[in-house]
Each structure stands twice: as C-alpha cells, then as structure tokens.
Amino acid sequence: MIDVREPDEYRAGHVPGAHPAPLSTLGAVVSALPGDEPVYVICASGNRSGWAAEQLEALGVDAVSVAGGTAAWTRAGHSLDRGAAAEAA
C-alpha cells in the first residue's frame, strides 16, 4: 500500500504498513512497485488516491484506490501509525 498524501499528513497518522509516496514523487516510485500483485493507493478521503490509481494504471500498474481513505479507516475503528516510515515505497 502506498500513501499519496503529503509528508506532514503521513507523519500525523497513516495506515500501518503504508509506504509514503506523495503525488509529486509518484513517477519516481513506479519502478519500486510490485508487478505481480495489486498496489493499494490511499490518501485522506479517496480523491487523490483515485487520481493516482488512474495514473498508475496508465503506466501498467495494477492499482486500486482505497475508498474513503484514512478517514474511513479510522471511522471503522482501526488505529493509525504515527511518524515517518522506515523506508519509502
């Protein structure tokens, strides 16, 4: 899973296991994405991730936008990790 929000949004709270990949760096991470399984794309509400998933699909990546984003994740009672990721996508 990649999180396409800005770094400060990611640090404030992200889905456990999501790797940061802000929209401005999306093209740079394409080669690091798995080619044999879907890549889930998340943002705050689903708008940015929808756009990012479309862009990734155009580049041949099997990308799925997470409906509702991190907002829906927390509304469902799931916790968020805070801080920076150990490594980027």
N, C-alpha and C. Protein backbone atom coordinates (compact mmCIF):
# COMPACT_ATOMS: atom_id res chain seq x y z
N MET A 1 0.85 -1.17 0.00
CA MET A 1 0.00 0.00 0.00
C MET A 1 0.89 1.23 0.00
N ILE A 2 0.52 2.20 -0.83
CA ILE A 2 1.23 3.48 -0.82
C ILE A 2 0.26 4.58 -0.41
N ASP A 3 0.79 5.55 0.31
CA ASP A 3 0.02 6.69 0.81
C ASP A 3 0.49 7.91 0.04
N VAL A 4 -0.42 8.50 -0.75
CA VAL A 4 -0.03 9.60 -1.64
C VAL A 4 -0.23 10.99 -1.02
N ARG A 5 -0.48 11.04 0.28
CA ARG A 5 -0.62 12.35 0.94
C ARG A 5 0.75 12.99 1.12
N GLU A 6 0.74 14.23 1.52
CA GLU A 6 1.98 14.96 1.77
C GLU A 6 2.68 14.42 3.02
N PRO A 7 3.99 14.60 3.12
CA PRO A 7 4.75 14.04 4.25
C PRO A 7 4.21 14.40 5.63
N ASP A 8 3.76 15.64 5.82
CA ASP A 8 3.25 16.02 7.14
C ASP A 8 1.94 15.28 7.45
N GLU A 9 1.11 15.04 6.45
CA GLU A 9 -0.12 14.28 6.65
C GLU A 9 0.21 12.83 7.01
N TYR A 10 1.17 12.26 6.30
CA TYR A 10 1.59 10.88 6.55
C TYR A 10 2.10 10.72 7.98
N ARG A 11 2.99 11.64 8.40
CA ARG A 11 3.56 11.58 9.75
C ARG A 11 2.50 11.72 10.83
N ALA A 12 1.46 12.50 10.55
CA ALA A 12 0.39 12.72 11.54
C ALA A 12 -0.43 11.45 11.79
N GLY A 13 -0.47 10.54 10.84
CA GLY A 13 -1.19 9.29 11.02
C GLY A 13 -1.44 8.58 9.71
N HIS A 14 -0.96 7.35 9.61
CA HIS A 14 -1.13 6.57 8.38
C HIS A 14 -1.50 5.12 8.71
N VAL A 15 -2.07 4.46 7.74
CA VAL A 15 -2.44 3.05 7.89
C VAL A 15 -1.15 2.25 8.09
N PRO A 16 -1.12 1.38 9.09
CA PRO A 16 0.08 0.57 9.31
C PRO A 16 0.48 -0.19 8.04
N GLY A 17 1.76 -0.10 7.72
CA GLY A 17 2.29 -0.78 6.54
C GLY A 17 2.26 0.04 5.27
N ALA A 18 1.58 1.19 5.28
CA ALA A 18 1.53 2.04 4.09
C ALA A 18 2.87 2.75 3.92
N HIS A 19 3.34 2.79 2.69
CA HIS A 19 4.60 3.47 2.38
C HIS A 19 4.30 4.86 1.82
N PRO A 20 5.05 5.87 2.23
CA PRO A 20 4.80 7.22 1.71
C PRO A 20 5.24 7.35 0.25
N ALA A 21 4.37 7.94 -0.54
CA ALA A 21 4.66 8.21 -1.95
C ALA A 21 3.82 9.41 -2.38
N PRO A 22 4.20 10.61 -1.91
CA PRO A 22 3.42 11.80 -2.25
C PRO A 22 3.20 11.92 -3.75
N LEU A 23 2.09 12.52 -4.15
CA LEU A 23 1.78 12.66 -5.57
C LEU A 23 2.94 13.24 -6.36
N SER A 24 3.67 14.17 -5.78
CA SER A 24 4.77 14.81 -6.50
C SER A 24 5.92 13.84 -6.80
N THR A 25 5.95 12.70 -6.12
CA THR A 25 7.02 11.72 -6.34
C THR A 25 6.50 10.42 -6.96
N LEU A 26 5.25 10.40 -7.34
CA LEU A 26 4.62 9.17 -7.80
C LEU A 26 5.38 8.52 -8.96
N GLY A 27 5.78 9.30 -9.93
CA GLY A 27 6.52 8.75 -11.07
C GLY A 27 7.82 8.09 -10.68
N ALA A 28 8.45 8.60 -9.63
CA ALA A 28 9.74 8.07 -9.20
C ALA A 28 9.62 6.73 -8.49
N VAL A 29 8.46 6.40 -7.96
CA VAL A 29 8.31 5.14 -7.21
C VAL A 29 7.74 4.00 -8.05
N VAL A 30 7.31 4.29 -9.27
CA VAL A 30 6.68 3.27 -10.09
C VAL A 30 7.55 2.03 -10.23
N SER A 31 8.83 2.20 -10.46
CA SER A 31 9.71 1.04 -10.67
C SER A 31 9.87 0.19 -9.41
N ALA A 32 9.58 0.76 -8.25
CA ALA A 32 9.72 0.01 -6.99
C ALA A 32 8.44 -0.73 -6.62
N LEU A 33 7.37 -0.51 -7.36
CA LEU A 33 6.09 -1.15 -7.04
C LEU A 33 6.07 -2.58 -7.56
N PRO A 34 5.40 -3.48 -6.83
CA PRO A 34 5.34 -4.87 -7.28
C PRO A 34 4.57 -4.99 -8.60
N GLY A 35 5.05 -5.84 -9.48
CA GLY A 35 4.38 -6.02 -10.76
C GLY A 35 3.46 -7.22 -10.78
N ASP A 36 3.48 -8.02 -9.71
CA ASP A 36 2.72 -9.26 -9.71
C ASP A 36 1.53 -9.26 -8.75
N GLU A 37 1.22 -8.11 -8.18
CA GLU A 37 0.07 -8.03 -7.28
C GLU A 37 -0.46 -6.60 -7.27
N PRO A 38 -1.71 -6.42 -6.86
CA PRO A 38 -2.28 -5.06 -6.84
C PRO A 38 -1.55 -4.15 -5.86
N VAL A 39 -1.50 -2.90 -6.20
CA VAL A 39 -0.95 -1.87 -5.32
C VAL A 39 -2.14 -1.05 -4.84
N TYR A 40 -2.32 -1.01 -3.53
CA TYR A 40 -3.41 -0.22 -2.96
C TYR A 40 -2.90 1.19 -2.71
N VAL A 41 -3.70 2.16 -3.11
CA VAL A 41 -3.32 3.57 -3.04
C VAL A 41 -4.30 4.26 -2.09
N ILE A 42 -3.76 4.97 -1.09
CA ILE A 42 -4.61 5.61 -0.09
C ILE A 42 -4.21 7.07 0.08
N CYS A 43 -5.20 7.86 0.45
CA CYS A 43 -4.97 9.27 0.80
C CYS A 43 -5.87 9.58 1.99
N ALA A 44 -6.31 10.81 2.13
CA ALA A 44 -7.16 11.17 3.26
C ALA A 44 -8.61 10.71 3.05
N SER A 45 -9.15 10.94 1.84
CA SER A 45 -10.57 10.65 1.62
C SER A 45 -10.86 9.80 0.39
N GLY A 46 -9.89 9.62 -0.48
CA GLY A 46 -10.09 8.84 -1.69
C GLY A 46 -9.97 9.63 -2.97
N ASN A 47 -9.94 10.95 -2.88
CA ASN A 47 -9.84 11.77 -4.09
C ASN A 47 -8.46 11.68 -4.74
N ARG A 48 -7.42 11.98 -3.98
CA ARG A 48 -6.06 11.92 -4.54
C ARG A 48 -5.67 10.51 -4.91
N SER A 49 -6.09 9.54 -4.09
CA SER A 49 -5.73 8.15 -4.40
C SER A 49 -6.44 7.67 -5.66
N GLY A 50 -7.62 8.15 -5.92
CA GLY A 50 -8.32 7.79 -7.15
C GLY A 50 -7.57 8.28 -8.37
N TRP A 51 -7.13 9.53 -8.31
CA TRP A 51 -6.36 10.10 -9.41
C TRP A 51 -5.04 9.36 -9.57
N ALA A 52 -4.35 9.09 -8.46
CA ALA A 52 -3.06 8.40 -8.51
C ALA A 52 -3.22 6.99 -9.07
N ALA A 53 -4.27 6.29 -8.67
CA ALA A 53 -4.50 4.93 -9.17
C ALA A 53 -4.72 4.96 -10.69
N GLU A 54 -5.45 5.95 -11.18
CA GLU A 54 -5.65 6.09 -12.63
C GLU A 54 -4.31 6.29 -13.34
N GLN A 55 -3.46 7.15 -12.78
CA GLN A 55 -2.15 7.41 -13.38
C GLN A 55 -1.30 6.14 -13.39
N LEU A 56 -1.31 5.41 -12.28
CA LEU A 56 -0.53 4.17 -12.20
C LEU A 56 -1.06 3.12 -13.17
N GLU A 57 -2.38 3.02 -13.28
CA GLU A 57 -2.97 2.08 -14.24
C GLU A 57 -2.50 2.40 -15.66
N ALA A 58 -2.43 3.69 -15.99
CA ALA A 58 -1.96 4.10 -17.32
C ALA A 58 -0.51 3.68 -17.56
N LEU A 59 0.24 3.50 -16.48
CA LEU A 59 1.64 3.07 -16.58
C LEU A 59 1.79 1.56 -16.46
N GLY A 60 0.67 0.85 -16.41
CA GLY A 60 0.70 -0.60 -16.38
C GLY A 60 0.72 -1.22 -15.00
N VAL A 61 0.48 -0.42 -13.97
CA VAL A 61 0.45 -0.93 -12.59
C VAL A 61 -0.99 -1.31 -12.25
N ASP A 62 -1.17 -2.46 -11.62
CA ASP A 62 -2.49 -2.87 -11.15
C ASP A 62 -2.75 -2.11 -9.85
N ALA A 63 -3.38 -0.94 -9.95
CA ALA A 63 -3.57 -0.04 -8.81
C ALA A 63 -5.03 0.04 -8.41
N VAL A 64 -5.27 0.07 -7.10
CA VAL A 64 -6.62 0.13 -6.55
C VAL A 64 -6.67 1.27 -5.54
N SER A 65 -7.58 2.21 -5.74
CA SER A 65 -7.77 3.30 -4.79
C SER A 65 -8.59 2.79 -3.61
N VAL A 66 -8.13 3.10 -2.41
CA VAL A 66 -8.84 2.69 -1.19
C VAL A 66 -9.98 3.70 -0.95
N ALA A 67 -11.20 3.23 -1.11
CA ALA A 67 -12.37 4.09 -0.96
C ALA A 67 -12.44 4.66 0.46
N GLY A 68 -12.61 5.97 0.54
CA GLY A 68 -12.76 6.62 1.84
C GLY A 68 -11.46 6.97 2.53
N GLY A 69 -10.35 6.43 2.06
CA GLY A 69 -9.03 6.77 2.59
C GLY A 69 -8.83 6.52 4.07
N THR A 70 -7.88 7.25 4.64
CA THR A 70 -7.58 7.06 6.06
C THR A 70 -8.73 7.51 6.95
N ALA A 71 -9.56 8.42 6.44
CA ALA A 71 -10.73 8.85 7.22
C ALA A 71 -11.66 7.67 7.45
N ALA A 72 -11.93 6.89 6.40
CA ALA A 72 -12.81 5.72 6.54
C ALA A 72 -12.15 4.65 7.42
N TRP A 73 -10.84 4.53 7.29
CA TRP A 73 -10.08 3.57 8.11
C TRP A 73 -10.30 3.86 9.60
N THR A 74 -10.14 5.12 9.98
CA THR A 74 -10.30 5.47 11.39
C THR A 74 -11.76 5.41 11.83
N ARG A 75 -12.69 5.78 10.95
CA ARG A 75 -14.11 5.67 11.30
C ARG A 75 -14.51 4.22 11.56
N ALA A 76 -13.81 3.29 10.91
CA ALA A 76 -14.09 1.87 11.11
C ALA A 76 -13.47 1.33 12.40
N GLY A 77 -12.77 2.22 13.12
CA GLY A 77 -12.21 1.83 14.41
C GLY A 77 -10.79 1.31 14.37
N HIS A 78 -10.14 1.41 13.22
CA HIS A 78 -8.75 0.95 13.10
C HIS A 78 -7.79 2.05 13.55
N SER A 79 -6.65 1.64 14.05
CA SER A 79 -5.66 2.60 14.52
C SER A 79 -4.72 3.02 13.40
N LEU A 80 -4.04 4.12 13.63
CA LEU A 80 -3.06 4.65 12.70
C LEU A 80 -1.68 4.62 13.35
N ASP A 81 -0.65 4.43 12.52
CA ASP A 81 0.72 4.61 12.98
C ASP A 81 1.06 6.08 12.80
N ARG A 82 1.96 6.57 13.62
CA ARG A 82 2.38 7.98 13.53
C ARG A 82 3.88 8.04 13.30
N GLY A 83 4.32 9.15 12.70
CA GLY A 83 5.73 9.34 12.43
C GLY A 83 6.10 8.96 11.02
N ALA A 84 7.38 9.09 10.73
CA ALA A 84 7.90 8.79 9.40
C ALA A 84 8.05 7.29 9.21
N ALA A 85 8.06 6.88 7.96
CA ALA A 85 8.25 5.46 7.63
C ALA A 85 9.72 5.11 7.71
N ALA A 86 10.00 3.85 7.93
CA ALA A 86 11.38 3.38 7.97
C ALA A 86 12.04 3.51 6.60
N GLU A 87 11.25 3.28 5.54
CA GLU A 87 11.76 3.43 4.18
C GLU A 87 10.61 3.77 3.25
N ALA A 88 10.91 4.40 2.15
CA ALA A 88 9.88 4.79 1.17
C ALA A 88 9.47 3.59 0.33
N ALA A 89 8.41 3.78 -0.45
CA ALA A 89 7.85 2.70 -1.28
C ALA A 89 8.84 2.12 -2.23
